PDB file of all heavy atoms in Angstrom:
ATOM      1  N   ALA A   1      64.674 -48.680-103.783  1.00  0.00           N
ATOM      2  CA  ALA A   1      64.235 -47.352-103.360  1.00  0.00           C
ATOM      3  C   ALA A   1      65.095 -46.262-103.979  1.00  0.00           C
ATOM      4  O   ALA A   1      64.618 -45.151-104.257  1.00  0.00           O
ATOM      5  CB  ALA A   1      64.289 -47.249-101.834  1.00  0.00           C
ATOM      6  N   ALA A   2      66.377 -46.572-104.188  1.00  0.00           N
ATOM      7  CA  ALA A   2      67.274 -45.574-104.763  1.00  0.00           C
ATOM      8  C   ALA A   2      66.930 -45.287-106.223  1.00  0.00           C
ATOM      9  O   ALA A   2      67.284 -44.233-106.754  1.00  0.00           O
ATOM     10  CB  ALA A   2      68.725 -46.048-104.660  1.00  0.00           C
ATOM     11  N   GLU A   3      66.262 -46.234-106.881  1.00  0.00           N
ATOM     12  CA  GLU A   3      65.953 -46.078-108.304  1.00  0.00           C
ATOM     13  C   GLU A   3      64.469 -46.339-108.575  1.00  0.00           C
ATOM     14  O   GLU A   3      64.090 -46.829-109.623  1.00  0.00           O
ATOM     15  CB  GLU A   3      66.797 -47.065-109.124  1.00  0.00           C
ATOM     16  CG  GLU A   3      68.285 -46.959-108.907  1.00  0.00           C
ATOM     17  CD  GLU A   3      69.035 -47.935-109.797  1.00  0.00           C
ATOM     18  OE1 GLU A   3      69.054 -47.723-111.016  1.00  0.00           O
ATOM     19  OE2 GLU A   3      69.579 -48.907-109.263  1.00  0.00           O
ATOM     20  N   TYR A   4      63.632 -46.012-107.608  1.00  0.00           N
ATOM     21  CA  TYR A   4      62.245 -46.449-107.676  1.00  0.00           C
ATOM     22  C   TYR A   4      61.476 -45.892-108.862  1.00  0.00           C
ATOM     23  O   TYR A   4      60.457 -46.416-109.260  1.00  0.00           O
ATOM     24  CB  TYR A   4      61.514 -46.090-106.380  1.00  0.00           C
ATOM     25  CG  TYR A   4      61.204 -44.615-106.224  1.00  0.00           C
ATOM     26  CD1 TYR A   4      59.940 -44.119-106.520  1.00  0.00           C
ATOM     27  CD2 TYR A   4      62.184 -43.725-105.778  1.00  0.00           C
ATOM     28  CE1 TYR A   4      59.666 -42.764-106.378  1.00  0.00           C
ATOM     29  CE2 TYR A   4      61.911 -42.391-105.644  1.00  0.00           C
ATOM     30  CZ  TYR A   4      60.648 -41.908-105.934  1.00  0.00           C
ATOM     31  OH  TYR A   4      60.379 -40.570-105.797  1.00  0.00           O
ATOM     32  N   LYS A   5      61.981 -44.833-109.472  1.00  0.00           N
ATOM     33  CA  LYS A   5      61.270 -44.253-110.607  1.00  0.00           C
ATOM     34  C   LYS A   5      61.527 -45.022-111.903  1.00  0.00           C
ATOM     35  O   LYS A   5      60.897 -44.778-112.915  1.00  0.00           O
ATOM     36  CB  LYS A   5      61.670 -42.786-110.790  1.00  0.00           C
ATOM     37  CG  LYS A   5      61.234 -41.898-109.624  1.00  0.00           C
ATOM     38  CD  LYS A   5      61.562 -40.444-109.889  1.00  0.00           C
ATOM     39  CE  LYS A   5      61.042 -39.561-108.763  1.00  0.00           C
ATOM     40  NZ  LYS A   5      61.754 -39.780-107.516  1.00  0.00           N
ATOM     41  N   ASP A   6      62.468 -45.969-111.867  1.00  0.00           N
ATOM     42  CA  ASP A   6      62.747 -46.798-113.042  1.00  0.00           C
ATOM     43  C   ASP A   6      61.871 -48.040-112.947  1.00  0.00           C
ATOM     44  O   ASP A   6      62.046 -48.874-112.065  1.00  0.00           O
ATOM     45  CB  ASP A   6      64.235 -47.187-113.053  1.00  0.00           C
ATOM     46  CG  ASP A   6      64.604 -48.013-114.279  1.00  0.00           C
ATOM     47  OD1 ASP A   6      63.694 -48.464-114.994  1.00  0.00           O
ATOM     48  OD2 ASP A   6      65.811 -48.202-114.491  1.00  0.00           O
ATOM     49  N   GLU A   7      60.939 -48.222-113.859  1.00  0.00           N
ATOM     50  CA  GLU A   7      59.982 -49.319-113.766  1.00  0.00           C
ATOM     51  C   GLU A   7      60.627 -50.686-113.898  1.00  0.00           C
ATOM     52  O   GLU A   7      60.077 -51.691-113.464  1.00  0.00           O
ATOM     53  CB  GLU A   7      58.906 -49.168-114.840  1.00  0.00           C
ATOM     54  CG  GLU A   7      59.428 -49.298-116.262  1.00  0.00           C
ATOM     55  CD  GLU A   7      58.338 -49.149-117.315  1.00  0.00           C
ATOM     56  OE1 GLU A   7      57.249 -48.694-116.962  1.00  0.00           O
ATOM     57  OE2 GLU A   7      58.615 -49.485-118.473  1.00  0.00           O
ATOM     58  N   ASP A   8      61.809 -50.766-114.468  1.00  0.00           N
ATOM     59  CA  ASP A   8      62.462 -52.059-114.655  1.00  0.00           C
ATOM     60  C   ASP A   8      63.569 -52.313-113.644  1.00  0.00           C
ATOM     61  O   ASP A   8      64.342 -53.242-113.763  1.00  0.00           O
ATOM     62  CB  ASP A   8      63.050 -52.148-116.079  1.00  0.00           C
ATOM     63  CG  ASP A   8      63.411 -53.594-116.448  1.00  0.00           C
ATOM     64  OD1 ASP A   8      62.563 -54.476-116.222  1.00  0.00           O
ATOM     65  OD2 ASP A   8      64.520 -53.815-116.936  1.00  0.00           O
ATOM     66  N   THR A   9      63.637 -51.467-112.604  1.00  0.00           N
ATOM     67  CA  THR A   9      64.742 -51.563-111.659  1.00  0.00           C
ATOM     68  C   THR A   9      64.829 -52.940-111.010  1.00  0.00           C
ATOM     69  O   THR A   9      65.910 -53.502-110.870  1.00  0.00           O
ATOM     70  CB  THR A   9      64.602 -50.492-110.561  1.00  0.00           C
ATOM     71  OG1 THR A   9      64.770 -49.223-111.149  1.00  0.00           O
ATOM     72  CG2 THR A   9      65.652 -50.673-109.494  1.00  0.00           C
ATOM     73  N   GLY A  10      63.676 -53.504-110.578  1.00  0.00           N
ATOM     74  CA  GLY A  10      63.706 -54.789-109.889  1.00  0.00           C
ATOM     75  C   GLY A  10      64.359 -55.858-110.720  1.00  0.00           C
ATOM     76  O   GLY A  10      65.262 -56.558-110.264  1.00  0.00           O
ATOM     77  N   ARG A  11      63.942 -55.989-111.964  1.00  0.00           N
ATOM     78  CA  ARG A  11      64.512 -57.012-112.827  1.00  0.00           C
ATOM     79  C   ARG A  11      65.971 -56.709-113.175  1.00  0.00           C
ATOM     80  O   ARG A  11      66.784 -57.612-113.292  1.00  0.00           O
ATOM     81  CB  ARG A  11      63.656 -57.143-114.085  1.00  0.00           C
ATOM     82  CG  ARG A  11      62.382 -57.939-113.833  1.00  0.00           C
ATOM     83  CD  ARG A  11      61.364 -57.771-114.927  1.00  0.00           C
ATOM     84  NE  ARG A  11      60.707 -56.470-114.831  1.00  0.00           N
ATOM     85  CZ  ARG A  11      59.681 -56.105-115.584  1.00  0.00           C
ATOM     86  NH1 ARG A  11      59.204 -56.929-116.491  1.00  0.00           N
ATOM     87  NH2 ARG A  11      59.124 -54.918-115.441  1.00  0.00           N
ATOM     88  N   HIS A  12      66.268 -55.435-113.340  1.00  0.00           N
ATOM     89  CA  HIS A  12      67.654 -55.043-113.624  1.00  0.00           C
ATOM     90  C   HIS A  12      68.579 -55.468-112.483  1.00  0.00           C
ATOM     91  O   HIS A  12      69.652 -56.044-112.718  1.00  0.00           O
ATOM     92  CB  HIS A  12      67.729 -53.534-113.828  1.00  0.00           C
ATOM     93  CG  HIS A  12      69.129 -52.988-113.782  1.00  0.00           C
ATOM     94  ND1 HIS A  12      70.085 -53.300-114.723  1.00  0.00           N
ATOM     95  CD2 HIS A  12      69.745 -52.159-112.878  1.00  0.00           C
ATOM     96  CE1 HIS A  12      71.217 -52.679-114.430  1.00  0.00           C
ATOM     97  NE2 HIS A  12      71.032 -51.999-113.310  1.00  0.00           N
ATOM     98  N   LEU A  13      68.177 -55.200-111.238  1.00  0.00           N
ATOM     99  CA  LEU A  13      69.018 -55.550-110.095  1.00  0.00           C
ATOM    100  C   LEU A  13      69.232 -57.056-109.999  1.00  0.00           C
ATOM    101  O   LEU A  13      70.329 -57.528-109.688  1.00  0.00           O
ATOM    102  CB  LEU A  13      68.389 -55.029-108.794  1.00  0.00           C
ATOM    103  CG  LEU A  13      68.311 -53.505-108.651  1.00  0.00           C
ATOM    104  CD1 LEU A  13      67.584 -53.142-107.369  1.00  0.00           C
ATOM    105  CD2 LEU A  13      69.701 -52.878-108.668  1.00  0.00           C
ATOM    106  N   LEU A  14      68.181 -57.804-110.268  1.00  0.00           N
ATOM    107  CA  LEU A  14      68.310 -59.258-110.244  1.00  0.00           C
ATOM    108  C   LEU A  14      69.272 -59.751-111.307  1.00  0.00           C
ATOM    109  O   LEU A  14      70.177 -60.547-111.034  1.00  0.00           O
ATOM    110  CB  LEU A  14      66.932 -59.887-110.460  1.00  0.00           C
ATOM    111  CG  LEU A  14      65.990 -59.863-109.259  1.00  0.00           C
ATOM    112  CD1 LEU A  14      64.563 -60.134-109.708  1.00  0.00           C
ATOM    113  CD2 LEU A  14      66.417 -60.895-108.243  1.00  0.00           C
ATOM    114  N   ARG A  15      69.061 -59.294-112.519  1.00  0.00           N
ATOM    115  CA  ARG A  15      69.886 -59.795-113.621  1.00  0.00           C
ATOM    116  C   ARG A  15      71.346 -59.416-113.445  1.00  0.00           C
ATOM    117  O   ARG A  15      72.242 -60.267-113.535  1.00  0.00           O
ATOM    118  CB  ARG A  15      69.339 -59.273-114.956  1.00  0.00           C
ATOM    119  CG  ARG A  15      68.003 -59.890-115.364  1.00  0.00           C
ATOM    120  CD  ARG A  15      67.632 -59.505-116.792  1.00  0.00           C
ATOM    121  NE  ARG A  15      67.470 -58.077-116.963  1.00  0.00           N
ATOM    122  CZ  ARG A  15      66.300 -57.429-116.913  1.00  0.00           C
ATOM    123  NH1 ARG A  15      65.176 -58.100-116.674  1.00  0.00           N
ATOM    124  NH2 ARG A  15      66.240 -56.121-117.098  1.00  0.00           N
ATOM    125  N   MET A  16      71.612 -58.144-113.212  1.00  0.00           N
ATOM    126  CA  MET A  16      73.009 -57.714-113.170  1.00  0.00           C
ATOM    127  C   MET A  16      73.761 -58.350-111.994  1.00  0.00           C
ATOM    128  O   MET A  16      74.938 -58.683-112.113  1.00  0.00           O
ATOM    129  CB  MET A  16      73.119 -56.182-113.138  1.00  0.00           C
ATOM    130  CG  MET A  16      72.467 -55.474-111.959  1.00  0.00           C
ATOM    131  SD  MET A  16      73.419 -55.410-110.421  1.00  0.00           S
ATOM    132  CE  MET A  16      74.861 -54.570-110.979  1.00  0.00           C
ATOM    133  N   SER A  17      73.091 -58.552-110.853  1.00  0.00           N
ATOM    134  CA  SER A  17      73.777 -59.157-109.705  1.00  0.00           C
ATOM    135  C   SER A  17      74.084 -60.633-109.970  1.00  0.00           C
ATOM    136  O   SER A  17      75.150 -61.138-109.605  1.00  0.00           O
ATOM    137  CB  SER A  17      72.951 -58.998-108.431  1.00  0.00           C
ATOM    138  OG  SER A  17      71.685 -59.596-108.564  1.00  0.00           O
ATOM    139  N   HIS A  18      73.162 -61.331-110.631  1.00  0.00           N
ATOM    140  CA  HIS A  18      73.426 -62.730-110.968  1.00  0.00           C
ATOM    141  C   HIS A  18      74.470 -62.858-112.077  1.00  0.00           C
ATOM    142  O   HIS A  18      75.282 -63.781-112.063  1.00  0.00           O
ATOM    143  CB  HIS A  18      72.126 -63.425-111.368  1.00  0.00           C
ATOM    144  CG  HIS A  18      71.281 -63.800-110.200  1.00  0.00           C
ATOM    145  ND1 HIS A  18      70.472 -62.902-109.530  1.00  0.00           N
ATOM    146  CD2 HIS A  18      71.119 -64.988-109.551  1.00  0.00           C
ATOM    147  CE1 HIS A  18      69.850 -63.509-108.544  1.00  0.00           C
ATOM    148  NE2 HIS A  18      70.231 -64.773-108.533  1.00  0.00           N
ATOM    149  N   TYR A  19      74.454 -61.935-113.048  1.00  0.00           N
ATOM    150  CA  TYR A  19      75.525 -61.919-114.052  1.00  0.00           C
ATOM    151  C   TYR A  19      76.882 -61.794-113.358  1.00  0.00           C
ATOM    152  O   TYR A  19      77.829 -62.525-113.666  1.00  0.00           O
ATOM    153  CB  TYR A  19      75.367 -60.721-115.000  1.00  0.00           C
ATOM    154  CG  TYR A  19      74.170 -60.728-115.916  1.00  0.00           C
ATOM    155  CD1 TYR A  19      73.643 -59.517-116.386  1.00  0.00           C
ATOM    156  CD2 TYR A  19      73.568 -61.909-116.337  1.00  0.00           C
ATOM    157  CE1 TYR A  19      72.544 -59.494-117.228  1.00  0.00           C
ATOM    158  CE2 TYR A  19      72.468 -61.889-117.192  1.00  0.00           C
ATOM    159  CZ  TYR A  19      71.957 -60.678-117.627  1.00  0.00           C
ATOM    160  OH  TYR A  19      70.877 -60.639-118.463  1.00  0.00           O
ATOM    161  N   ALA A  20      76.975 -60.836-112.439  1.00  0.00           N
ATOM    162  CA  ALA A  20      78.250 -60.561-111.770  1.00  0.00           C
ATOM    163  C   ALA A  20      78.718 -61.765-110.953  1.00  0.00           C
ATOM    164  O   ALA A  20      79.905 -62.122-110.974  1.00  0.00           O
ATOM    165  CB  ALA A  20      78.117 -59.331-110.875  1.00  0.00           C
ATOM    166  N   ALA A  21      77.796 -62.406-110.226  1.00  0.00           N
ATOM    167  CA  ALA A  21      78.172 -63.578-109.427  1.00  0.00           C
ATOM    168  C   ALA A  21      78.682 -64.703-110.328  1.00  0.00           C
ATOM    169  O   ALA A  21      79.654 -65.391-109.997  1.00  0.00           O
ATOM    170  CB  ALA A  21      76.981 -64.051-108.593  1.00  0.00           C
ATOM    171  N   ALA A  22      78.025 -64.894-111.471  1.00  0.00           N
ATOM    172  CA  ALA A  22      78.446 -65.946-112.403  1.00  0.00           C
ATOM    173  C   ALA A  22      79.833 -65.656-112.976  1.00  0.00           C
ATOM    174  O   ALA A  22      80.678 -66.549-113.090  1.00  0.00           O
ATOM    175  CB  ALA A  22      77.423 -66.088-113.528  1.00  0.00           C
ATOM    176  N   VAL A  23      80.089 -64.407-113.347  1.00  0.00           N
ATOM    177  CA  VAL A  23      81.404 -64.030-113.873  1.00  0.00           C
ATOM    178  C   VAL A  23      82.480 -64.223-112.801  1.00  0.00           C
ATOM    179  O   VAL A  23      83.590 -64.691-113.089  1.00  0.00           O
ATOM    180  CB  VAL A  23      81.385 -62.573-114.384  1.00  0.00           C
ATOM    181  CG1 VAL A  23      82.806 -62.115-114.749  1.00  0.00           C
ATOM    182  CG2 VAL A  23      80.475 -62.444-115.599  1.00  0.00           C
ATOM    183  N   ALA A  24      82.145 -63.868-111.565  1.00  0.00           N
ATOM    184  CA  ALA A  24      83.110 -64.025-110.470  1.00  0.00           C
ATOM    185  C   ALA A  24      83.528 -65.481-110.315  1.00  0.00           C
ATOM    186  O   ALA A  24      84.721 -65.788-110.167  1.00  0.00           O
ATOM    187  CB  ALA A  24      82.500 -63.505-109.166  1.00  0.00           C
ATOM    188  N   ARG A  25      82.575 -66.390-110.363  1.00  0.00           N
ATOM    189  CA  ARG A  25      82.915 -67.813-110.255  1.00  0.00           C
ATOM    190  C   ARG A  25      83.771 -68.257-111.432  1.00  0.00           C
ATOM    191  O   ARG A  25      84.724 -69.022-111.270  1.00  0.00           O
ATOM    192  CB  ARG A  25      81.643 -68.655-110.176  1.00  0.00           C
ATOM    193  CG  ARG A  25      80.942 -68.593-108.825  1.00  0.00           C
ATOM    194  CD  ARG A  25      79.902 -69.702-108.714  1.00  0.00           C
ATOM    195  NE  ARG A  25      78.882 -69.547-109.737  1.00  0.00           N
ATOM    196  CZ  ARG A  25      77.785 -68.820-109.597  1.00  0.00           C
ATOM    197  NH1 ARG A  25      77.573 -68.169-108.458  1.00  0.00           N
ATOM    198  NH2 ARG A  25      76.895 -68.739-110.571  1.00  0.00           N
ATOM    199  N   GLN A  26      83.443 -67.773-112.630  1.00  0.00           N
ATOM    200  CA  GLN A  26      84.231 -68.132-113.809  1.00  0.00           C
ATOM    201  C   GLN A  26      85.667 -67.647-113.693  1.00  0.00           C
ATOM    202  O   GLN A  26      86.602 -68.298-114.182  1.00  0.00           O
ATOM    203  CB  GLN A  26      83.570 -67.546-115.065  1.00  0.00           C
ATOM    204  CG  GLN A  26      84.324 -67.790-116.364  1.00  0.00           C
ATOM    205  CD  GLN A  26      84.445 -69.261-116.719  1.00  0.00           C
ATOM    206  OE1 GLN A  26      83.636 -70.082-116.289  1.00  0.00           O
ATOM    207  NE2 GLN A  26      85.450 -69.603-117.510  1.00  0.00           N
ATOM    208  N   MET A  27      85.868 -66.540-112.999  1.00  0.00           N
ATOM    209  CA  MET A  27      87.210 -65.993-112.831  1.00  0.00           C
ATOM    210  C   MET A  27      87.960 -66.615-111.661  1.00  0.00           C
ATOM    211  O   MET A  27      89.059 -66.177-111.328  1.00  0.00           O
ATOM    212  CB  MET A  27      87.130 -64.472-112.669  1.00  0.00           C
ATOM    213  CG  MET A  27      86.631 -63.759-113.923  1.00  0.00           C
ATOM    214  SD  MET A  27      86.704 -61.952-113.800  1.00  0.00           S
ATOM    215  CE  MET A  27      88.484 -61.678-113.811  1.00  0.00           C
ATOM    216  N   GLY A  28      87.347 -67.617-111.034  1.00  0.00           N
ATOM    217  CA  GLY A  28      88.047 -68.353-109.988  1.00  0.00           C
ATOM    218  C   GLY A  28      87.808 -67.847-108.588  1.00  0.00           C
ATOM    219  O   GLY A  28      88.432 -68.340-107.642  1.00  0.00           O
ATOM    220  N   LEU A  29      86.909 -66.890-108.407  1.00  0.00           N
ATOM    221  CA  LEU A  29      86.594 -66.431-107.063  1.00  0.00           C
ATOM    222  C   LEU A  29      85.756 -67.488-106.361  1.00  0.00           C
ATOM    223  O   LEU A  29      85.038 -68.261-106.995  1.00  0.00           O
ATOM    224  CB  LEU A  29      85.857 -65.087-107.092  1.00  0.00           C
ATOM    225  CG  LEU A  29      86.742 -63.837-107.223  1.00  0.00           C
ATOM    226  CD1 LEU A  29      87.446 -63.795-108.568  1.00  0.00           C
ATOM    227  CD2 LEU A  29      85.920 -62.556-107.040  1.00  0.00           C
ATOM    228  N   SER A  30      85.839 -67.535-105.047  1.00  0.00           N
ATOM    229  CA  SER A  30      85.175 -68.584-104.273  1.00  0.00           C
ATOM    230  C   SER A  30      83.661 -68.414-104.294  1.00  0.00           C
ATOM    231  O   SER A  30      83.136 -67.342-104.605  1.00  0.00           O
ATOM    232  CB  SER A  30      85.666 -68.549-102.821  1.00  0.00           C
ATOM    233  OG  SER A  30      85.208 -67.373-102.177  1.00  0.00           O
ATOM    234  N   ASP A  31      82.964 -69.488-103.936  1.00  0.00           N
ATOM    235  CA  ASP A  31      81.507 -69.429-103.837  1.00  0.00           C
ATOM    236  C   ASP A  31      81.081 -68.398-102.797  1.00  0.00           C
ATOM    237  O   ASP A  31      80.045 -67.744-102.947  1.00  0.00           O
ATOM    238  CB  ASP A  31      80.941 -70.803-103.459  1.00  0.00           C
ATOM    239  CG  ASP A  31      80.998 -71.793-104.618  1.00  0.00           C
ATOM    240  OD1 ASP A  31      81.095 -71.337-105.780  1.00  0.00           O
ATOM    241  OD2 ASP A  31      80.949 -73.001-104.367  1.00  0.00           O
ATOM    242  N   HIS A  32      81.872 -68.271-101.716  1.00  0.00           N
ATOM    243  CA  HIS A  32      81.550 -67.277-100.686  1.00  0.00           C
ATOM    244  C   HIS A  32      81.600 -65.865-101.268  1.00  0.00           C
ATOM    245  O   HIS A  32      80.714 -65.043-100.995  1.00  0.00           O
ATOM    246  CB  HIS A  32      82.536 -67.403 -99.524  1.00  0.00           C
ATOM    247  CG  HIS A  32      82.390 -66.324 -98.492  1.00  0.00           C
ATOM    248  ND1 HIS A  32      81.324 -66.280 -97.603  1.00  0.00           N
ATOM    249  CD2 HIS A  32      83.152 -65.228 -98.223  1.00  0.00           C
ATOM    250  CE1 HIS A  32      81.451 -65.214 -96.836  1.00  0.00           C
ATOM    251  NE2 HIS A  32      82.541 -64.567 -97.178  1.00  0.00           N
ATOM    252  N   VAL A  33      82.627 -65.576-102.060  1.00  0.00           N
ATOM    253  CA  VAL A  33      82.741 -64.240-102.668  1.00  0.00           C
ATOM    254  C   VAL A  33      81.600 -64.032-103.665  1.00  0.00           C
ATOM    255  O   VAL A  33      80.992 -62.958-103.711  1.00  0.00           O
ATOM    256  CB  VAL A  33      84.102 -64.072-103.360  1.00  0.00           C
ATOM    257  CG1 VAL A  33      84.146 -62.774-104.161  1.00  0.00           C
ATOM    258  CG2 VAL A  33      85.225 -64.088-102.316  1.00  0.00           C
ATOM    259  N   ALA A  34      81.296 -65.066-104.462  1.00  0.00           N
ATOM    260  CA  ALA A  34      80.199 -64.943-105.426  1.00  0.00           C
ATOM    261  C   ALA A  34      78.876 -64.658-104.717  1.00  0.00           C
ATOM    262  O   ALA A  34      78.072 -63.838-105.178  1.00  0.00           O
ATOM    263  CB  ALA A  34      80.089 -66.217-106.255  1.00  0.00           C
ATOM    264  N   GLN A  35      78.659 -65.330-103.574  1.00  0.00           N
ATOM    265  CA  GLN A  35      77.433 -65.083-102.807  1.00  0.00           C
ATOM    266  C   GLN A  35      77.435 -63.658-102.257  1.00  0.00           C
ATOM    267  O   GLN A  35      76.393 -62.981-102.254  1.00  0.00           O
ATOM    268  CB  GLN A  35      77.341 -66.087-101.660  1.00  0.00           C
ATOM    269  CG  GLN A  35      76.052 -66.013-100.861  1.00  0.00           C
ATOM    270  CD  GLN A  35      74.866 -66.591-101.600  1.00  0.00           C
ATOM    271  OE1 GLN A  35      75.036 -67.301-102.593  1.00  0.00           O
ATOM    272  NE2 GLN A  35      73.669 -66.295-101.156  1.00  0.00           N
ATOM    273  N   SER A  36      78.586 -63.190-101.811  1.00  0.00           N
ATOM    274  CA  SER A  36      78.670 -61.812-101.300  1.00  0.00           C
ATOM    275  C   SER A  36      78.384 -60.796-102.404  1.00  0.00           C
ATOM    276  O   SER A  36      77.760 -59.759-102.164  1.00  0.00           O
ATOM    277  CB  SER A  36      80.066 -61.565-100.710  1.00  0.00           C
ATOM    278  OG  SER A  36      80.292 -62.388 -99.586  1.00  0.00           O
ATOM    279  N   ILE A  37      78.829 -61.108-103.621  1.00  0.00           N
ATOM    280  CA  ILE A  37      78.538 -60.221-104.761  1.00  0.00           C
ATOM    281  C   ILE A  37      77.040 -60.165-105.006  1.00  0.00           C
ATOM    282  O   ILE A  37      76.483 -59.100-105.299  1.00  0.00           O
ATOM    283  CB  ILE A  37      79.276 -60.715-106.014  1.00  0.00           C
ATOM    284  CG1 ILE A  37      80.788 -60.489-105.855  1.00  0.00           C
ATOM    285  CG2 ILE A  37      78.771 -60.006-107.268  1.00  0.00           C
ATOM    286  CD1 ILE A  37      81.612 -61.135-106.935  1.00  0.00           C
TER     287      ILE A  37
END
């Protein structure tokens, strides 16, 4: 809703959040923290 005028927002949010969770795990953060991300 905050970015509803961007037609690719849904896919962007999915991709960037999963990228971040994957990087967090690679950096040694716990699965719980990765899930919170």
